Amino acid sequence: MPLCIAGMHRSGTSMITSLLHACGLNLGPKKDFLPPDPNNPKGFWESRSFLRLNDAILKQLGGSWDHPPHTEAGWENEPSLGRLRKQAGKLICRLEGREPWGWKDPRNCLTLPLWRKLLPEIQVLICVRNPLAVAKSLWLRNGIPHPDSFDLWLTYNRRVLAAAPIESRLVTHCEAYLRDPHAELCRVLQWAGLAAPEDQVNQACQRIAPSLLHHRMTLDDLADAGASAELMRCYRDLCAEAAQPILS
């Protein structure tokens, strides 16, 4: 079954996807990958085709990645999305039969209902990071003020949790790959049904550079930054689901 990798922007999705790719996850043709840039010097591990389609879906709904559209339950069935649903089906057909395969895009948090309509049994890997660390990274990359980043973080995570049944999802915290990368990667691989030799797993772990995960923050830092009670609760719940100790 395909693997959909989601998570708020700047939450370690690229790093985690690169590890899964090193352990055998097919992400499609490399010529379709976004090229590295100063924000992600190791690469995004992201398909241009899936990204463009997700952007088109959000635009059709009246939004974008940084201004999520307001949607009602069942939006994925809207007739106006018929052309985009067909395009999504074609993307899926290109990779079917090439298991194990998957794709990564933070926008999956917002568009997952449409993908689940086409792939009802899809597995969803949710990558999570302290919201304040995300906010600091988005300020440097996009100039987004912290309060707006907090709102985005909450919207992305609430929507992906609502769209991904608990039996079909796994939450992984990017901090776990700095504490015990081998254990966390093996946990994710086992859940995803990816069988990789031990030496392949060890080599994948060598890709992790602590410098890739800047702005490590604690729960106290998050509270001091003015995070709402709702955001704090959502972050605690995600950490609990990821079996990840919260830095206080």
C-alpha atoms as a PDB file:
ATOM      1  CA  MET A   1       0.000   0.000   0.000  1.00  0.00           C
ATOM      2  CA  PRO A   2       1.367   3.449  -0.881  1.00  0.00           C
ATOM      3  CA  LEU A   3       2.809   5.699   1.792  1.00  0.00           C
ATOM      4  CA  CYS A   4       1.734   9.337   2.025  1.00  0.00           C
ATOM      5  CA  ILE A   5       4.262  11.425   3.956  1.00  0.00           C
ATOM      6  CA  ALA A   6       2.799  14.556   5.504  1.00  0.00           C
ATOM      7  CA  GLY A   7       3.566  17.132   8.170  1.00  0.00           C
ATOM      8  CA  MET A   8       3.755  20.883   8.580  1.00  0.00           C
ATOM      9  CA  HIS A   9       6.432  22.630   6.512  1.00  0.00           C
ATOM     10  CA  ARG A  10       9.879  22.722   8.183  1.00  0.00           C
ATOM     11  CA  SER A  11       9.046  19.667  10.303  1.00  0.00           C
ATOM     12  CA  GLY A  12      11.755  17.302   9.066  1.00  0.00           C
ATOM     13  CA  THR A  13       9.671  15.768   6.279  1.00  0.00           C
ATOM     14  CA  SER A  14      12.571  15.976   3.798  1.00  0.00           C
ATOM     15  CA  MET A  15      15.071  14.360   6.143  1.00  0.00           C
ATOM     16  CA  ILE A  16      12.700  11.566   7.124  1.00  0.00           C
ATOM     17  CA  THR A  17      11.714  10.897   3.513  1.00  0.00           C
ATOM     18  CA  SER A  18      15.376  10.689   2.499  1.00  0.00           C
ATOM     19  CA  LEU A  19      15.906   7.979   5.130  1.00  0.00           C
ATOM     20  CA  LEU A  20      12.938   5.961   3.872  1.00  0.00           C
ATOM     21  CA  HIS A  21      14.141   6.331   0.284  1.00  0.00           C
ATOM     22  CA  ALA A  22      17.572   5.041   1.339  1.00  0.00           C
ATOM     23  CA  CYS A  23      15.789   2.020   2.832  1.00  0.00           C
ATOM     24  CA  GLY A  24      13.883   1.159  -0.338  1.00  0.00           C
ATOM     25  CA  LEU A  25      10.886   3.484  -0.632  1.00  0.00           C
ATOM     26  CA  ASN A  26      10.258   4.298  -4.299  1.00  0.00           C
ATOM     27  CA  LEU A  27       9.561   8.023  -4.719  1.00  0.00           C
ATOM     28  CA  GLY A  28       9.252   7.927  -8.493  1.00  0.00           C
ATOM     29  CA  PRO A  29      11.781   9.091 -11.095  1.00  0.00           C
ATOM     30  CA  LYS A  30      14.592  11.254  -9.743  1.00  0.00           C
ATOM     31  CA  LYS A  31      14.272  13.595 -12.713  1.00  0.00           C
ATOM     32  CA  ASP A  32      10.929  14.622 -11.184  1.00  0.00           C
ATOM     33  CA  PHE A  33      12.471  15.552  -7.814  1.00  0.00           C
ATOM     34  CA  LEU A  34      12.695  19.157  -6.702  1.00  0.00           C
ATOM     35  CA  PRO A  35      16.370  20.203  -6.737  1.00  0.00           C
ATOM     36  CA  PRO A  36      18.180  21.068  -3.485  1.00  0.00           C
ATOM     37  CA  ASP A  37      18.382  24.710  -2.474  1.00  0.00           C
ATOM     38  CA  PRO A  38      19.898  26.649   0.462  1.00  0.00           C
ATOM     39  CA  ASN A  39      16.841  25.846   2.608  1.00  0.00           C
ATOM     40  CA  ASN A  40      17.190  22.102   1.965  1.00  0.00           C
ATOM     41  CA  PRO A  41      20.785  21.519   0.813  1.00  0.00           C
ATOM     42  CA  LYS A  42      20.327  17.736   1.066  1.00  0.00           C
ATOM     43  CA  GLY A  43      17.266  17.864  -1.178  1.00  0.00           C
ATOM     44  CA  PHE A  44      13.508  17.965  -0.702  1.00  0.00           C
ATOM     45  CA  TRP A  45      12.849  14.342  -1.818  1.00  0.00           C
ATOM     46  CA  GLU A  46       9.661  15.704  -3.275  1.00  0.00           C
ATOM     47  CA  SER A  47       8.002  14.994  -6.630  1.00  0.00           C
ATOM     48  CA  ARG A  48       7.268  18.070  -8.713  1.00  0.00           C
ATOM     49  CA  SER A  49       4.225  16.278 -10.147  1.00  0.00           C
ATOM     50  CA  PHE A  50       2.591  15.618  -6.771  1.00  0.00           C
ATOM     51  CA  LEU A  51       3.522  19.077  -5.481  1.00  0.00           C
ATOM     52  CA  ARG A  52       2.063  20.862  -8.515  1.00  0.00           C
ATOM     53  CA  LEU A  53      -1.116  18.856  -8.277  1.00  0.00           C
ATOM     54  CA  ASN A  54      -1.481  19.612  -4.565  1.00  0.00           C
ATOM     55  CA  ASP A  55      -0.954  23.298  -5.314  1.00  0.00           C
ATOM     56  CA  ALA A  56      -3.603  23.109  -8.047  1.00  0.00           C
ATOM     57  CA  ILE A  57      -6.059  21.474  -5.644  1.00  0.00           C
ATOM     58  CA  LEU A  58      -5.505  24.187  -3.038  1.00  0.00           C
ATOM     59  CA  LYS A  59      -5.865  26.919  -5.670  1.00  0.00           C
ATOM     60  CA  GLN A  60      -9.114  25.406  -6.960  1.00  0.00           C
ATOM     61  CA  LEU A  61     -10.399  25.472  -3.383  1.00  0.00           C
ATOM     62  CA  GLY A  62      -9.446  29.145  -3.063  1.00  0.00           C
ATOM     63  CA  GLY A  63      -6.251  28.847  -1.031  1.00  0.00           C
ATOM     64  CA  SER A  64      -2.572  28.008  -1.026  1.00  0.00           C
ATOM     65  CA  TRP A  65      -0.008  26.277   1.178  1.00  0.00           C
ATOM     66  CA  ASP A  66       0.336  29.347   3.432  1.00  0.00           C
ATOM     67  CA  HIS A  67      -3.363  30.315   3.279  1.00  0.00           C
ATOM     68  CA  PRO A  68      -5.199  26.996   3.672  1.00  0.00           C
ATOM     69  CA  PRO A  69      -8.635  27.105   2.066  1.00  0.00           C
ATOM     70  CA  HIS A  70     -11.747  26.855   4.202  1.00  0.00           C
ATOM     71  CA  THR A  71     -13.359  23.527   3.361  1.00  0.00           C
ATOM     72  CA  GLU A  72     -16.426  21.567   4.345  1.00  0.00           C
ATOM     73  CA  ALA A  73     -16.631  17.816   4.881  1.00  0.00           C
ATOM     74  CA  GLY A  74     -16.804  16.022   1.554  1.00  0.00           C
ATOM     75  CA  TRP A  75     -14.998  18.752  -0.420  1.00  0.00           C
ATOM     76  CA  GLU A  76     -13.013  16.074  -2.253  1.00  0.00           C
ATOM     77  CA  ASN A  77     -16.202  15.070  -4.112  1.00  0.00           C
ATOM     78  CA  GLU A  78     -16.810  18.524  -5.607  1.00  0.00           C
ATOM     79  CA  PRO A  79     -17.496  18.358  -9.381  1.00  0.00           C
ATOM     80  CA  SER A  80     -15.101  21.280  -9.882  1.00  0.00           C
ATOM     81  CA  LEU A  81     -12.256  18.973  -8.826  1.00  0.00           C
ATOM     82  CA  GLY A  82     -13.029  16.308 -11.428  1.00  0.00           C
ATOM     83  CA  ARG A  83     -10.115  17.195 -13.712  1.00  0.00           C
ATOM     84  CA  LEU A  84      -7.673  17.245 -10.806  1.00  0.00           C
ATOM     85  CA  ARG A  85      -8.960  13.903  -9.486  1.00  0.00           C
ATOM     86  CA  LYS A  86      -8.250  12.404 -12.932  1.00  0.00           C
ATOM     87  CA  GLN A  87      -4.729  13.834 -12.870  1.00  0.00           C
ATOM     88  CA  ALA A  88      -4.191  12.361  -9.415  1.00  0.00           C
ATOM     89  CA  GLY A  89      -5.370   8.991 -10.698  1.00  0.00           C
ATOM     90  CA  LYS A  90      -2.846   9.159 -13.544  1.00  0.00           C
ATOM     91  CA  LEU A  91      -0.017   9.919 -11.098  1.00  0.00           C
ATOM     92  CA  ILE A  92      -1.022   6.918  -9.019  1.00  0.00           C
ATOM     93  CA  CYS A  93      -1.130   4.667 -12.098  1.00  0.00           C
ATOM     94  CA  ARG A  94       2.452   5.615 -12.984  1.00  0.00           C
ATOM     95  CA  LEU A  95       3.682   4.206  -9.682  1.00  0.00           C
ATOM     96  CA  GLU A  96       1.303   1.297  -9.145  1.00  0.00           C
ATOM     97  CA  GLY A  97       3.111  -2.004  -9.412  1.00  0.00           C
ATOM     98  CA  ARG A  98       6.369  -0.391  -8.268  1.00  0.00           C
ATOM     99  CA  GLU A  99       5.865  -1.043  -4.582  1.00  0.00           C
ATOM    100  CA  PRO A 100       6.885   0.014  -2.080  1.00  0.00           C
ATOM    101  CA  TRP A 101       6.141   3.537  -3.256  1.00  0.00           C
ATOM    102  CA  GLY A 102       5.061   6.802  -1.759  1.00  0.00           C
ATOM    103  CA  TRP A 103       5.374  10.547  -1.954  1.00  0.00           C
ATOM    104  CA  LYS A 104       6.135  13.415   0.370  1.00  0.00           C
ATOM    105  CA  ASP A 105       4.606  16.873   0.443  1.00  0.00           C
ATOM    106  CA  PRO A 106       3.628  18.931   3.497  1.00  0.00           C
ATOM    107  CA  ARG A 107       0.534  19.989   1.523  1.00  0.00           C
ATOM    108  CA  ASN A 108      -0.722  16.415   1.895  1.00  0.00           C
ATOM    109  CA  CYS A 109      -1.968  17.553   5.309  1.00  0.00           C
ATOM    110  CA  LEU A 110      -4.504  19.745   3.519  1.00  0.00           C
ATOM    111  CA  THR A 111      -5.311  17.587   0.486  1.00  0.00           C
ATOM    112  CA  LEU A 112      -5.372  14.128   2.081  1.00  0.00           C
ATOM    113  CA  PRO A 113      -9.149  13.620   1.736  1.00  0.00           C
ATOM    114  CA  LEU A 114      -8.810  13.656  -2.066  1.00  0.00           C
ATOM    115  CA  TRP A 115      -5.916  11.183  -2.009  1.00  0.00           C
ATOM    116  CA  ARG A 116      -7.802   8.899   0.363  1.00  0.00           C
ATOM    117  CA  LYS A 117     -10.786   8.963  -1.995  1.00  0.00           C
ATOM    118  CA  LEU A 118      -8.517   7.429  -4.649  1.00  0.00           C
ATOM    119  CA  LEU A 119      -6.476   5.276  -2.239  1.00  0.00           C
ATOM    120  CA  PRO A 120      -8.800   4.427   0.692  1.00  0.00           C
ATOM    121  CA  GLU A 121      -6.263   2.182   2.447  1.00  0.00           C
ATOM    122  CA  ILE A 122      -3.298   4.528   2.122  1.00  0.00           C
ATOM    123  CA  GLN A 123      -0.855   4.709   5.018  1.00  0.00           C
ATOM    124  CA  VAL A 124      -0.055   8.191   6.319  1.00  0.00           C
ATOM    125  CA  LEU A 125       3.198   9.088   8.046  1.00  0.00           C
ATOM    126  CA  ILE A 126       2.828  12.353   9.985  1.00  0.00           C
ATOM    127  CA  CYS A 127       6.087  14.169  10.748  1.00  0.00           C
ATOM    128  CA  VAL A 128       5.923  16.532  13.710  1.00  0.00           C
ATOM    129  CA  ARG A 129       8.207  19.166  15.201  1.00  0.00           C
ATOM    130  CA  ASN A 130       7.927  21.688  18.010  1.00  0.00           C
ATOM    131  CA  PRO A 131       5.728  24.531  16.640  1.00  0.00           C
ATOM    132  CA  LEU A 132       8.158  27.196  17.841  1.00  0.00           C
ATOM    133  CA  ALA A 133      11.028  25.554  15.964  1.00  0.00           C
ATOM    134  CA  VAL A 134       8.812  25.510  12.876  1.00  0.00           C
ATOM    135  CA  ALA A 135       7.901  29.170  13.393  1.00  0.00           C
ATOM    136  CA  LYS A 136      11.533  30.244  13.694  1.00  0.00           C
ATOM    137  CA  SER A 137      12.413  28.364  10.531  1.00  0.00           C
ATOM    138  CA  LEU A 138       9.471  29.840   8.600  1.00  0.00           C
ATOM    139  CA  TRP A 139      10.418  33.336   9.767  1.00  0.00           C
ATOM    140  CA  LEU A 140      13.909  32.890   8.334  1.00  0.00           C
ATOM    141  CA  ARG A 141      12.713  31.289   5.086  1.00  0.00           C
ATOM    142  CA  ASN A 142       9.480  33.154   4.355  1.00  0.00           C
ATOM    143  CA  GLY A 143       9.258  36.051   6.784  1.00  0.00           C
ATOM    144  CA  ILE A 144       6.081  34.603   8.327  1.00  0.00           C
ATOM    145  CA  PRO A 145       5.378  36.047  11.805  1.00  0.00           C
ATOM    146  CA  HIS A 146       5.273  33.544  14.658  1.00  0.00           C
ATOM    147  CA  PRO A 147       1.512  33.889  15.365  1.00  0.00           C
ATOM    148  CA  ASP A 148       0.734  33.115  11.717  1.00  0.00           C
ATOM    149  CA  SER A 149       3.092  30.136  11.784  1.00  0.00           C
ATOM    150  CA  PHE A 150       1.382  28.838  14.911  1.00  0.00           C
ATOM    151  CA  ASP A 151      -1.992  29.078  13.136  1.00  0.00           C
ATOM    152  CA  LEU A 152      -0.600  27.246  10.098  1.00  0.00           C
ATOM    153  CA  TRP A 153       0.963  24.533  12.270  1.00  0.00           C
ATOM    154  CA  LEU A 154      -2.333  23.939  14.052  1.00  0.00           C
ATOM    155  CA  THR A 155      -4.360  23.922  10.829  1.00  0.00           C
ATOM    156  CA  TYR A 156      -2.025  21.475   9.084  1.00  0.00           C
ATOM    157  CA  ASN A 157      -1.912  19.054  11.989  1.00  0.00           C
ATOM    158  CA  ARG A 158      -5.592  19.220  12.879  1.00  0.00           C
ATOM    159  CA  ARG A 159      -6.575  18.544   9.271  1.00  0.00           C
ATOM    160  CA  VAL A 160      -4.216  15.631   8.728  1.00  0.00           C
ATOM    161  CA  LEU A 161      -5.307  14.036  11.996  1.00  0.00           C
ATOM    162  CA  ALA A 162      -8.955  14.429  10.991  1.00  0.00           C
ATOM    163  CA  ALA A 163      -8.331  12.923   7.544  1.00  0.00           C
ATOM    164  CA  ALA A 164      -6.074  10.018   8.548  1.00  0.00           C
ATOM    165  CA  PRO A 165      -7.750   7.284  10.658  1.00  0.00           C
ATOM    166  CA  ILE A 166      -5.613   6.301  13.614  1.00  0.00           C
ATOM    167  CA  GLU A 167      -5.312   2.729  12.322  1.00  0.00           C
ATOM    168  CA  SER A 168      -3.820   4.035   9.050  1.00  0.00           C
ATOM    169  CA  ARG A 169      -1.365   6.573  10.421  1.00  0.00           C
ATOM    170  CA  LEU A 170       1.867   6.819  12.364  1.00  0.00           C
ATOM    171  CA  VAL A 171       3.276   9.956  13.979  1.00  0.00           C
ATOM    172  CA  THR A 172       7.050  10.399  14.024  1.00  0.00           C
ATOM    173  CA  HIS A 173       8.856  13.272  15.764  1.00  0.00           C
ATOM    174  CA  CYS A 174      11.951  14.701  14.084  1.00  0.00           C
ATOM    175  CA  GLU A 175      13.707  14.967  17.473  1.00  0.00           C
ATOM    176  CA  ALA A 176      13.653  11.164  17.718  1.00  0.00           C
ATOM    177  CA  TYR A 177      16.138  10.972  14.834  1.00  0.00           C
ATOM    178  CA  LEU A 178      18.624  12.964  16.869  1.00  0.00           C
ATOM    179  CA  ARG A 179      18.143  10.916  20.028  1.00  0.00           C
ATOM    180  CA  ASP A 180      18.102   7.372  18.627  1.00  0.00           C
ATOM    181  CA  PRO A 181      17.865   7.413  14.825  1.00  0.00           C
ATOM    182  CA  HIS A 182      18.214   3.652  14.396  1.00  0.00           C
ATOM    183  CA  ALA A 183      15.356   2.845  16.759  1.00  0.00           C
ATOM    184  CA  GLU A 184      12.986   5.446  15.269  1.00  0.00           C
ATOM    185  CA  LEU A 185      13.776   4.553  11.682  1.00  0.00           C
ATOM    186  CA  CYS A 186      13.235   0.855  12.408  1.00  0.00           C
ATOM    187  CA  ARG A 187       9.910   1.672  14.095  1.00  0.00           C
ATOM    188  CA  VAL A 188       8.728   3.543  11.004  1.00  0.00           C
ATOM    189  CA  LEU A 189      10.030   0.905   8.590  1.00  0.00           C
ATOM    190  CA  GLN A 190       8.273  -1.903  10.457  1.00  0.00           C
ATOM    191  CA  TRP A 191       4.980  -0.004  10.492  1.00  0.00           C
ATOM    192  CA  ALA A 192       5.280   0.805   6.780  1.00  0.00           C
ATOM    193  CA  GLY A 193       6.149  -2.778   5.878  1.00  0.00           C
ATOM    194  CA  LEU A 194       9.544  -1.808   4.476  1.00  0.00           C
ATOM    195  CA  ALA A 195      12.103  -4.565   4.930  1.00  0.00           C
ATOM    196  CA  ALA A 196      15.641  -3.180   4.786  1.00  0.00           C
ATOM    197  CA  PRO A 197      18.863  -5.014   5.721  1.00  0.00           C
ATOM    198  CA  GLU A 198      20.578  -3.837   8.891  1.00  0.00           C
ATOM    199  CA  ASP A 199      23.539  -2.399   7.018  1.00  0.00           C
ATOM    200  CA  GLN A 200      21.166  -0.399   4.802  1.00  0.00           C
ATOM    201  CA  VAL A 201      19.427   1.029   7.870  1.00  0.00           C
ATOM    202  CA  ASN A 202      22.774   1.935   9.426  1.00  0.00           C
ATOM    203  CA  GLN A 203      23.916   3.649   6.236  1.00  0.00           C
ATOM    204  CA  ALA A 204      20.671   5.591   6.080  1.00  0.00           C
ATOM    205  CA  CYS A 205      21.189   6.833   9.635  1.00  0.00           C
ATOM    206  CA  GLN A 206      24.555   8.241   8.604  1.00  0.00           C
ATOM    207  CA  ARG A 207      22.646  10.762   6.476  1.00  0.00           C
ATOM    208  CA  ILE A 208      21.337  12.505   9.574  1.00  0.00           C
ATOM    209  CA  ALA A 209      23.224  15.701  10.346  1.00  0.00           C
ATOM    210  CA  PRO A 210      22.142  17.503  13.537  1.00  0.00           C
ATOM    211  CA  SER A 211      22.781  20.790  11.726  1.00  0.00           C
ATOM    212  CA  LEU A 212      19.807  19.993   9.473  1.00  0.00           C
ATOM    213  CA  LEU A 213      17.449  20.384  12.419  1.00  0.00           C
ATOM    214  CA  HIS A 214      18.023  23.891  13.715  1.00  0.00           C
ATOM    215  CA  HIS A 215      16.056  25.641  16.467  1.00  0.00           C
ATOM    216  CA  ARG A 216      15.508  22.761  18.901  1.00  0.00           C
ATOM    217  CA  MET A 217      12.913  24.075  21.317  1.00  0.00           C
ATOM    218  CA  THR A 218      11.279  22.959  24.551  1.00  0.00           C
ATOM    219  CA  LEU A 219       7.668  22.965  25.692  1.00  0.00           C
ATOM    220  CA  ASP A 220       8.507  25.826  28.055  1.00  0.00           C
ATOM    221  CA  ASP A 221       9.927  27.823  25.134  1.00  0.00           C
ATOM    222  CA  LEU A 222       6.688  27.231  23.255  1.00  0.00           C
ATOM    223  CA  ALA A 223       4.555  28.410  26.172  1.00  0.00           C
ATOM    224  CA  ASP A 224       6.739  31.491  26.676  1.00  0.00           C
ATOM    225  CA  ALA A 225       6.267  32.351  22.981  1.00  0.00           C
ATOM    226  CA  GLY A 226       2.536  32.770  23.559  1.00  0.00           C
ATOM    227  CA  ALA A 227       1.255  29.513  22.068  1.00  0.00           C
ATOM    228  CA  SER A 228      -2.458  28.962  22.613  1.00  0.00           C
ATOM    229  CA  ALA A 229      -3.785  26.249  24.890  1.00  0.00           C
ATOM    230  CA  GLU A 230      -5.250  24.526  21.824  1.00  0.00           C
ATOM    231  CA  LEU A 231      -1.877  24.430  20.062  1.00  0.00           C
ATOM    232  CA  MET A 232      -0.114  23.204  23.201  1.00  0.00           C
ATOM    233  CA  ARG A 233      -2.693  20.444  23.603  1.00  0.00           C
ATOM    234  CA  CYS A 234      -2.380  19.358  19.971  1.00  0.00           C
ATOM    235  CA  TYR A 235       1.408  19.252  20.229  1.00  0.00           C
ATOM    236  CA  ARG A 236       1.275  17.195  23.432  1.00  0.00           C
ATOM    237  CA  ASP A 237      -1.161  14.768  21.825  1.00  0.00           C
ATOM    238  CA  LEU A 238       1.076  14.342  18.776  1.00  0.00           C
ATOM    239  CA  CYS A 239       4.127  13.753  20.964  1.00  0.00           C
ATOM    240  CA  ALA A 240       2.191  11.132  22.925  1.00  0.00           C
ATOM    241  CA  GLU A 241       1.125   9.402  19.714  1.00  0.00           C
ATOM    242  CA  ALA A 242       4.735   9.490  18.518  1.00  0.00           C
ATOM    243  CA  ALA A 243       5.851   7.953  21.845  1.00  0.00           C
ATOM    244  CA  GLN A 244       8.231  10.906  22.073  1.00  0.00           C
ATOM    245  CA  PRO A 245       9.227  12.553  25.368  1.00  0.00           C
ATOM    246  CA  ILE A 246       8.478  16.268  25.351  1.00  0.00           C
ATOM    247  CA  LEU A 247      11.400  18.574  26.058  1.00  0.00           C
ATOM    248  CA  SER A 248      10.185  20.725  28.946  1.00  0.00           C
END
